[in-house]
Every structure is written in structure tokens, then in C-alpha cells.
Amino acid sequence: MKEIEELSKKYIEDLKYVIETNIINQDYDEDDEEDDESNDFDPLEYKFKSLKTPKEKFIELLQKVTKSCVALSKSIQNKERSNMIYATRDMATYFGQINDEATQISRQLPEGKAKEKLLESTSRCKTSSVQLKINISVKASSEEGDDVTDLNKKIVGLYELIQQCFNAITHSDRVFNDMDFNNSGVVWN
């Protein structure tokens, strides 16, 4: 399932974009100095300086779910059945948390298409990741000789749908800007 591996790379690219755009570049704006960190960092290993704002907490959840997506890809490639189940369980859990956070954050955002798209995308990720978890469990419990062609197509289709929604979430620049505006000076404990 080479498609899963390719899609996992897109998750990483999207995560890098959201960290670079909303955390690193914002820090540069505050410091008025540039260095090479913006181009040379591993988004999966990026350490957040602070997790006090809703935006930072939200992006950290995006990082966690991306790690789970990469773990799923590796476990599928290596045919590690139990790790497939653990990775999809984690994905479903994190997407549930992302959906909850997006709902809470959206209460502070102005009405508009960006807000609606964020909520729609997080909801789709949550429901699709639960469906993916079920399909991966079936795949993991299948025997070597079982025909899983249709099941593999479903898994790839769900993974692709989740990745498209994840892309929409990570590229919701308007929403992230509104998070900054609405939460300036507000710290979550």
C-alpha cells in the first residue's frame, strides 16, 4: 500500500506548513531576526516553546495525529498488525480531541466560511478516522490468504479523505489569524 506512504508524506508537509506559518514565522515577527530554523526543522520533532494559547495546543494535537499517521504507514509497510491497530486508535483519539478543540475555539471566532470549513474538516477527520480504525482492525485480523483488495481500497480511500481534510485544517490561515486576534492576552491553564 504505497499510497499510504505517499499520503503520510503529505501529512508531514502540511504539519510543517502550519508550524512554520503560525509558530516559527510568528516568533520571527516578534524577535525581528531570521535564522535557518524555518527551513531546517523536523515538524514531527518540533518542540513548542509554550502550549498556553489555544492555537499552540491545537497545532500540538495536529503534530500528535501526524505522528500517528506516520506510525500507521510504517506498520502497514512492515505488516505489523498490532501496531496498525494502536496507530489508528491513536489517530481516532487525536482527531476526536482536535474536533473538540476546534469546536471550543470556534466559539470565539467570527462567523464565516473559514470557521465552517474548519468545523466541517475536523468533524470529517473524526468520523473517517473511526471508520479507518474499524477497517484496519478487520485488516489486522485477516488471514494471509484472505482477499483484502476491497478492504485495502477502503483504507486508502479513508486515509486520503482524512489527509484532504487535514490539509484544509492546516491551511486554515484565516482561522489561525483569528485565534491570535481573539486570544491575545488570554492564557489557557
C-alpha atoms as a PDB file:
ATOM      1  CA  MET A   1       0.000   0.000   0.000  1.00  0.00           C
ATOM      2  CA  LYS A   2       2.410   2.549  -1.344  1.00  0.00           C
ATOM      3  CA  GLU A   3      -0.389   5.133  -1.439  1.00  0.00           C
ATOM      4  CA  ILE A   4      -0.471   5.287   2.365  1.00  0.00           C
ATOM      5  CA  GLU A   5       3.250   6.038   2.484  1.00  0.00           C
ATOM      6  CA  GLU A   6       2.871   8.853  -0.069  1.00  0.00           C
ATOM      7  CA  LEU A   7      -0.089  10.324   1.801  1.00  0.00           C
ATOM      8  CA  SER A   8       1.890  10.221   5.053  1.00  0.00           C
ATOM      9  CA  LYS A   9       4.467  12.481   3.427  1.00  0.00           C
ATOM     10  CA  LYS A  10       1.670  14.952   2.676  1.00  0.00           C
ATOM     11  CA  TYR A  11       0.625  14.921   6.355  1.00  0.00           C
ATOM     12  CA  ILE A  12       4.198  15.853   7.273  1.00  0.00           C
ATOM     13  CA  GLU A  13       4.302  18.632   4.646  1.00  0.00           C
ATOM     14  CA  ASP A  14       1.002  20.043   5.935  1.00  0.00           C
ATOM     15  CA  LEU A  15       2.220  19.896   9.537  1.00  0.00           C
ATOM     16  CA  LYS A  16       5.437  21.668   8.563  1.00  0.00           C
ATOM     17  CA  TYR A  17       3.409  24.371   6.833  1.00  0.00           C
ATOM     18  CA  VAL A  18       1.189  25.038   9.847  1.00  0.00           C
ATOM     19  CA  ILE A  19       4.111  25.129  12.299  1.00  0.00           C
ATOM     20  CA  GLU A  20       6.225  27.306  10.032  1.00  0.00           C
ATOM     21  CA  THR A  21       3.402  29.719   9.228  1.00  0.00           C
ATOM     22  CA  ASN A  22       1.779  30.023  12.640  1.00  0.00           C
ATOM     23  CA  ILE A  23       4.540  29.399  15.159  1.00  0.00           C
ATOM     24  CA  ILE A  24       8.045  29.908  13.727  1.00  0.00           C
ATOM     25  CA  ASN A  25       7.315  32.876  11.442  1.00  0.00           C
ATOM     26  CA  GLN A  26       5.231  34.482  14.145  1.00  0.00           C
ATOM     27  CA  ASP A  27       8.174  34.167  16.535  1.00  0.00           C
ATOM     28  CA  TYR A  28      10.397  35.850  13.920  1.00  0.00           C
ATOM     29  CA  ASP A  29       7.949  38.704  13.652  1.00  0.00           C
ATOM     30  CA  GLU A  30       8.240  39.232  17.394  1.00  0.00           C
ATOM     31  CA  ASP A  31      12.051  38.889  17.504  1.00  0.00           C
ATOM     32  CA  ASP A  32      12.798  40.724  14.252  1.00  0.00           C
ATOM     33  CA  GLU A  33      15.563  38.275  13.441  1.00  0.00           C
ATOM     34  CA  GLU A  34      15.721  35.475  10.924  1.00  0.00           C
ATOM     35  CA  ASP A  35      17.648  32.230  11.111  1.00  0.00           C
ATOM     36  CA  ASP A  36      17.571  28.961   9.256  1.00  0.00           C
ATOM     37  CA  GLU A  37      15.190  27.217  11.651  1.00  0.00           C
ATOM     38  CA  SER A  38      12.201  27.895   9.406  1.00  0.00           C
ATOM     39  CA  ASN A  39      13.549  25.693   6.617  1.00  0.00           C
ATOM     40  CA  ASP A  40      15.520  23.084   8.529  1.00  0.00           C
ATOM     41  CA  PHE A  41      13.309  21.509  11.131  1.00  0.00           C
ATOM     42  CA  ASP A  42      11.530  18.211  11.531  1.00  0.00           C
ATOM     43  CA  PRO A  43       7.854  19.002  12.130  1.00  0.00           C
ATOM     44  CA  LEU A  44       7.372  15.670  13.921  1.00  0.00           C
ATOM     45  CA  GLU A  45      10.073  16.577  16.463  1.00  0.00           C
ATOM     46  CA  TYR A  46       9.418  20.308  16.745  1.00  0.00           C
ATOM     47  CA  LYS A  47       9.362  21.411  20.387  1.00  0.00           C
ATOM     48  CA  PHE A  48       6.806  24.066  21.209  1.00  0.00           C
ATOM     49  CA  LYS A  49       8.113  26.852  23.440  1.00  0.00           C
ATOM     50  CA  SER A  50       4.747  27.306  25.040  1.00  0.00           C
ATOM     51  CA  LEU A  51       1.440  25.487  25.000  1.00  0.00           C
ATOM     52  CA  LYS A  52      -0.581  28.189  26.673  1.00  0.00           C
ATOM     53  CA  THR A  53      -2.627  29.503  23.777  1.00  0.00           C
ATOM     54  CA  PRO A  54      -5.435  27.573  22.106  1.00  0.00           C
ATOM     55  CA  LYS A  55      -3.582  27.813  18.785  1.00  0.00           C
ATOM     56  CA  GLU A  56      -0.428  26.206  20.166  1.00  0.00           C
ATOM     57  CA  LYS A  57      -2.411  23.428  21.827  1.00  0.00           C
ATOM     58  CA  PHE A  58      -4.317  22.850  18.603  1.00  0.00           C
ATOM     59  CA  ILE A  59      -1.151  22.665  16.498  1.00  0.00           C
ATOM     60  CA  GLU A  60       0.416  20.292  19.009  1.00  0.00           C
ATOM     61  CA  LEU A  61      -2.581  17.978  18.523  1.00  0.00           C
ATOM     62  CA  LEU A  62      -2.000  18.200  14.763  1.00  0.00           C
ATOM     63  CA  GLN A  63       1.581  17.127  15.401  1.00  0.00           C
ATOM     64  CA  LYS A  64       0.452  14.170  17.527  1.00  0.00           C
ATOM     65  CA  VAL A  65      -2.009  12.958  14.921  1.00  0.00           C
ATOM     66  CA  THR A  66       0.633  13.285  12.202  1.00  0.00           C
ATOM     67  CA  LYS A  67       2.957  11.086  14.238  1.00  0.00           C
ATOM     68  CA  SER A  68       0.161   8.511  14.446  1.00  0.00           C
ATOM     69  CA  CYS A  69      -0.382   8.699  10.679  1.00  0.00           C
ATOM     70  CA  VAL A  70       3.306   8.080  10.050  1.00  0.00           C
ATOM     71  CA  ALA A  71       3.268   5.186  12.549  1.00  0.00           C
ATOM     72  CA  LEU A  72       0.289   3.684  10.715  1.00  0.00           C
ATOM     73  CA  SER A  73       2.104   3.943   7.397  1.00  0.00           C
ATOM     74  CA  LYS A  74       5.196   2.220   8.807  1.00  0.00           C
ATOM     75  CA  SER A  75       3.179  -0.529  10.469  1.00  0.00           C
ATOM     76  CA  ILE A  76       1.284  -1.224   7.232  1.00  0.00           C
ATOM     77  CA  GLN A  77       4.538  -1.361   5.252  1.00  0.00           C
ATOM     78  CA  ASN A  78       6.074  -3.725   7.830  1.00  0.00           C
ATOM     79  CA  LYS A  79       2.821  -5.721   8.245  1.00  0.00           C
ATOM     80  CA  GLU A  80       2.821  -5.138  11.997  1.00  0.00           C
ATOM     81  CA  ARG A  81      -0.796  -5.916  12.826  1.00  0.00           C
ATOM     82  CA  SER A  82      -0.891  -4.787  16.441  1.00  0.00           C
ATOM     83  CA  ASN A  83       0.913  -1.527  15.632  1.00  0.00           C
ATOM     84  CA  MET A  84      -1.650  -0.841  12.882  1.00  0.00           C
ATOM     85  CA  ILE A  85      -4.393  -1.062  15.484  1.00  0.00           C
ATOM     86  CA  TYR A  86      -2.520   1.101  18.018  1.00  0.00           C
ATOM     87  CA  ALA A  87      -1.763   3.783  15.416  1.00  0.00           C
ATOM     88  CA  THR A  88      -5.363   4.023  14.169  1.00  0.00           C
ATOM     89  CA  ARG A  89      -6.658   4.046  17.737  1.00  0.00           C
ATOM     90  CA  ASP A  90      -4.358   6.978  18.472  1.00  0.00           C
ATOM     91  CA  MET A  91      -5.411   8.717  15.240  1.00  0.00           C
ATOM     92  CA  ALA A  92      -9.097   8.402  16.157  1.00  0.00           C
ATOM     93  CA  THR A  93      -8.412   9.666  19.683  1.00  0.00           C
ATOM     94  CA  TYR A  94      -6.408  12.677  18.492  1.00  0.00           C
ATOM     95  CA  PHE A  95      -8.901  13.573  15.772  1.00  0.00           C
ATOM     96  CA  GLY A  96     -11.638  13.435  18.403  1.00  0.00           C
ATOM     97  CA  GLN A  97      -9.618  15.840  20.542  1.00  0.00           C
ATOM     98  CA  ILE A  98      -8.935  18.071  17.538  1.00  0.00           C
ATOM     99  CA  ASN A  99     -12.650  18.181  16.780  1.00  0.00           C
ATOM    100  CA  ASP A 100     -13.436  19.081  20.403  1.00  0.00           C
ATOM    101  CA  GLU A 101     -10.752  21.798  20.448  1.00  0.00           C
ATOM    102  CA  ALA A 102     -11.954  23.208  17.126  1.00  0.00           C
ATOM    103  CA  THR A 103     -15.492  23.370  18.467  1.00  0.00           C
ATOM    104  CA  GLN A 104     -14.332  25.197  21.575  1.00  0.00           C
ATOM    105  CA  ILE A 105     -12.062  27.556  19.640  1.00  0.00           C
ATOM    106  CA  SER A 106     -14.788  28.293  17.080  1.00  0.00           C
ATOM    107  CA  ARG A 107     -16.985  29.784  19.789  1.00  0.00           C
ATOM    108  CA  GLN A 108     -14.527  32.694  19.895  1.00  0.00           C
ATOM    109  CA  LEU A 109     -14.240  33.071  16.113  1.00  0.00           C
ATOM    110  CA  PRO A 110     -16.373  35.250  13.866  1.00  0.00           C
ATOM    111  CA  GLU A 111     -18.956  33.526  11.681  1.00  0.00           C
ATOM    112  CA  GLY A 112     -17.839  32.811   8.172  1.00  0.00           C
ATOM    113  CA  LYS A 113     -16.740  30.243   5.628  1.00  0.00           C
ATOM    114  CA  ALA A 114     -13.322  29.688   7.233  1.00  0.00           C
ATOM    115  CA  LYS A 115     -14.902  28.747  10.548  1.00  0.00           C
ATOM    116  CA  GLU A 116     -17.442  26.466   8.854  1.00  0.00           C
ATOM    117  CA  LYS A 117     -14.743  24.757   6.790  1.00  0.00           C
ATOM    118  CA  LEU A 118     -12.611  24.160   9.886  1.00  0.00           C
ATOM    119  CA  LEU A 119     -15.500  22.593  11.771  1.00  0.00           C
ATOM    120  CA  GLU A 120     -16.551  20.510   8.779  1.00  0.00           C
ATOM    121  CA  SER A 121     -12.999  19.279   8.212  1.00  0.00           C
ATOM    122  CA  THR A 122     -12.351  18.370  11.846  1.00  0.00           C
ATOM    123  CA  SER A 123     -15.670  16.546  12.032  1.00  0.00           C
ATOM    124  CA  ARG A 124     -14.909  14.584   8.854  1.00  0.00           C
ATOM    125  CA  CYS A 125     -11.473  13.642  10.204  1.00  0.00           C
ATOM    126  CA  LYS A 126     -13.049  12.420  13.422  1.00  0.00           C
ATOM    127  CA  THR A 127     -15.700  10.238  11.771  1.00  0.00           C
ATOM    128  CA  SER A 128     -13.424   8.980   8.995  1.00  0.00           C
ATOM    129  CA  SER A 129     -10.682   8.058  11.462  1.00  0.00           C
ATOM    130  CA  VAL A 130     -13.183   5.923  13.409  1.00  0.00           C
ATOM    131  CA  GLN A 131     -14.159   4.184  10.151  1.00  0.00           C
ATOM    132  CA  LEU A 132     -10.456   3.739   9.359  1.00  0.00           C
ATOM    133  CA  LYS A 133      -9.888   2.224  12.793  1.00  0.00           C
ATOM    134  CA  ILE A 134     -12.611  -0.354  12.133  1.00  0.00           C
ATOM    135  CA  ASN A 135     -11.251  -1.227   8.681  1.00  0.00           C
ATOM    136  CA  ILE A 136      -7.678  -1.509   9.951  1.00  0.00           C
ATOM    137  CA  SER A 137      -8.875  -3.829  12.725  1.00  0.00           C
ATOM    138  CA  VAL A 138     -10.520  -6.055  10.114  1.00  0.00           C
ATOM    139  CA  LYS A 139      -7.347  -5.985   8.010  1.00  0.00           C
ATOM    140  CA  ALA A 140      -5.153  -6.804  11.002  1.00  0.00           C
ATOM    141  CA  SER A 141      -7.322  -9.782  11.927  1.00  0.00           C
ATOM    142  CA  SER A 142      -7.459 -11.182   8.384  1.00  0.00           C
ATOM    143  CA  GLU A 143      -5.529 -14.302   7.465  1.00  0.00           C
ATOM    144  CA  GLU A 144      -2.632 -14.320   4.988  1.00  0.00           C
ATOM    145  CA  GLY A 145      -4.698 -15.933   2.217  1.00  0.00           C
ATOM    146  CA  ASP A 146      -7.751 -13.677   2.618  1.00  0.00           C
ATOM    147  CA  ASP A 147      -8.630 -11.394  -0.274  1.00  0.00           C
ATOM    148  CA  VAL A 148      -8.386  -7.896   1.193  1.00  0.00           C
ATOM    149  CA  THR A 149      -8.293  -5.968  -2.078  1.00  0.00           C
ATOM    150  CA  ASP A 150     -11.599  -4.184  -1.457  1.00  0.00           C
ATOM    151  CA  LEU A 151     -10.661  -3.561   2.148  1.00  0.00           C
ATOM    152  CA  ASN A 152      -7.332  -2.033   1.100  1.00  0.00           C
ATOM    153  CA  LYS A 153      -9.183   0.268  -1.318  1.00  0.00           C
ATOM    154  CA  LYS A 154     -11.464   1.414   1.514  1.00  0.00           C
ATOM    155  CA  ILE A 155      -8.494   2.021   3.776  1.00  0.00           C
ATOM    156  CA  VAL A 156      -6.650   4.056   1.160  1.00  0.00           C
ATOM    157  CA  GLY A 157      -9.836   5.995   0.348  1.00  0.00           C
ATOM    158  CA  LEU A 158     -10.444   6.862   4.002  1.00  0.00           C
ATOM    159  CA  TYR A 159      -6.810   7.761   4.562  1.00  0.00           C
ATOM    160  CA  GLU A 160      -6.908  10.017   1.508  1.00  0.00           C
ATOM    161  CA  LEU A 161     -10.130  11.706   2.665  1.00  0.00           C
ATOM    162  CA  ILE A 162      -8.641  12.305   6.096  1.00  0.00           C
ATOM    163  CA  GLN A 163      -5.487  13.735   4.512  1.00  0.00           C
ATOM    164  CA  GLN A 164      -7.534  16.136   2.366  1.00  0.00           C
ATOM    165  CA  CYS A 165      -9.424  17.352   5.427  1.00  0.00           C
ATOM    166  CA  PHE A 166      -6.163  17.563   7.390  1.00  0.00           C
ATOM    167  CA  ASN A 167      -4.771  19.743   4.600  1.00  0.00           C
ATOM    168  CA  ALA A 168      -7.812  22.025   4.860  1.00  0.00           C
ATOM    169  CA  ILE A 169      -7.290  22.282   8.633  1.00  0.00           C
ATOM    170  CA  THR A 170      -3.569  23.056   8.434  1.00  0.00           C
ATOM    171  CA  HIS A 171      -4.113  25.650   5.703  1.00  0.00           C
ATOM    172  CA  SER A 172      -6.882  27.492   7.576  1.00  0.00           C
ATOM    173  CA  ASP A 173      -4.750  30.617   7.833  1.00  0.00           C
ATOM    174  CA  ARG A 174      -7.733  32.863   8.434  1.00  0.00           C
ATOM    175  CA  VAL A 175      -8.800  30.774  11.414  1.00  0.00           C
ATOM    176  CA  PHE A 176      -5.295  30.746  12.896  1.00  0.00           C
ATOM    177  CA  ASN A 177      -5.085  34.533  12.466  1.00  0.00           C
ATOM    178  CA  ASP A 178      -8.451  34.895  14.191  1.00  0.00           C
ATOM    179  CA  MET A 179      -7.187  32.678  17.024  1.00  0.00           C
ATOM    180  CA  ASP A 180      -4.314  35.132  17.530  1.00  0.00           C
ATOM    181  CA  PHE A 181      -6.616  38.135  17.434  1.00  0.00           C
ATOM    182  CA  ASN A 182      -9.264  36.691  19.747  1.00  0.00           C
ATOM    183  CA  ASN A 183      -6.823  35.214  22.231  1.00  0.00           C
ATOM    184  CA  SER A 184      -4.280  37.978  22.523  1.00  0.00           C
ATOM    185  CA  GLY A 185      -3.505  38.282  26.183  1.00  0.00           C
ATOM    186  CA  VAL A 186      -5.650  35.261  27.069  1.00  0.00           C
ATOM    187  CA  VAL A 187      -3.835  32.275  28.537  1.00  0.00           C
ATOM    188  CA  TRP A 188      -5.414  28.859  28.996  1.00  0.00           C
ATOM    189  CA  ASN A 189      -4.459  26.880  32.072  1.00  0.00           C
END
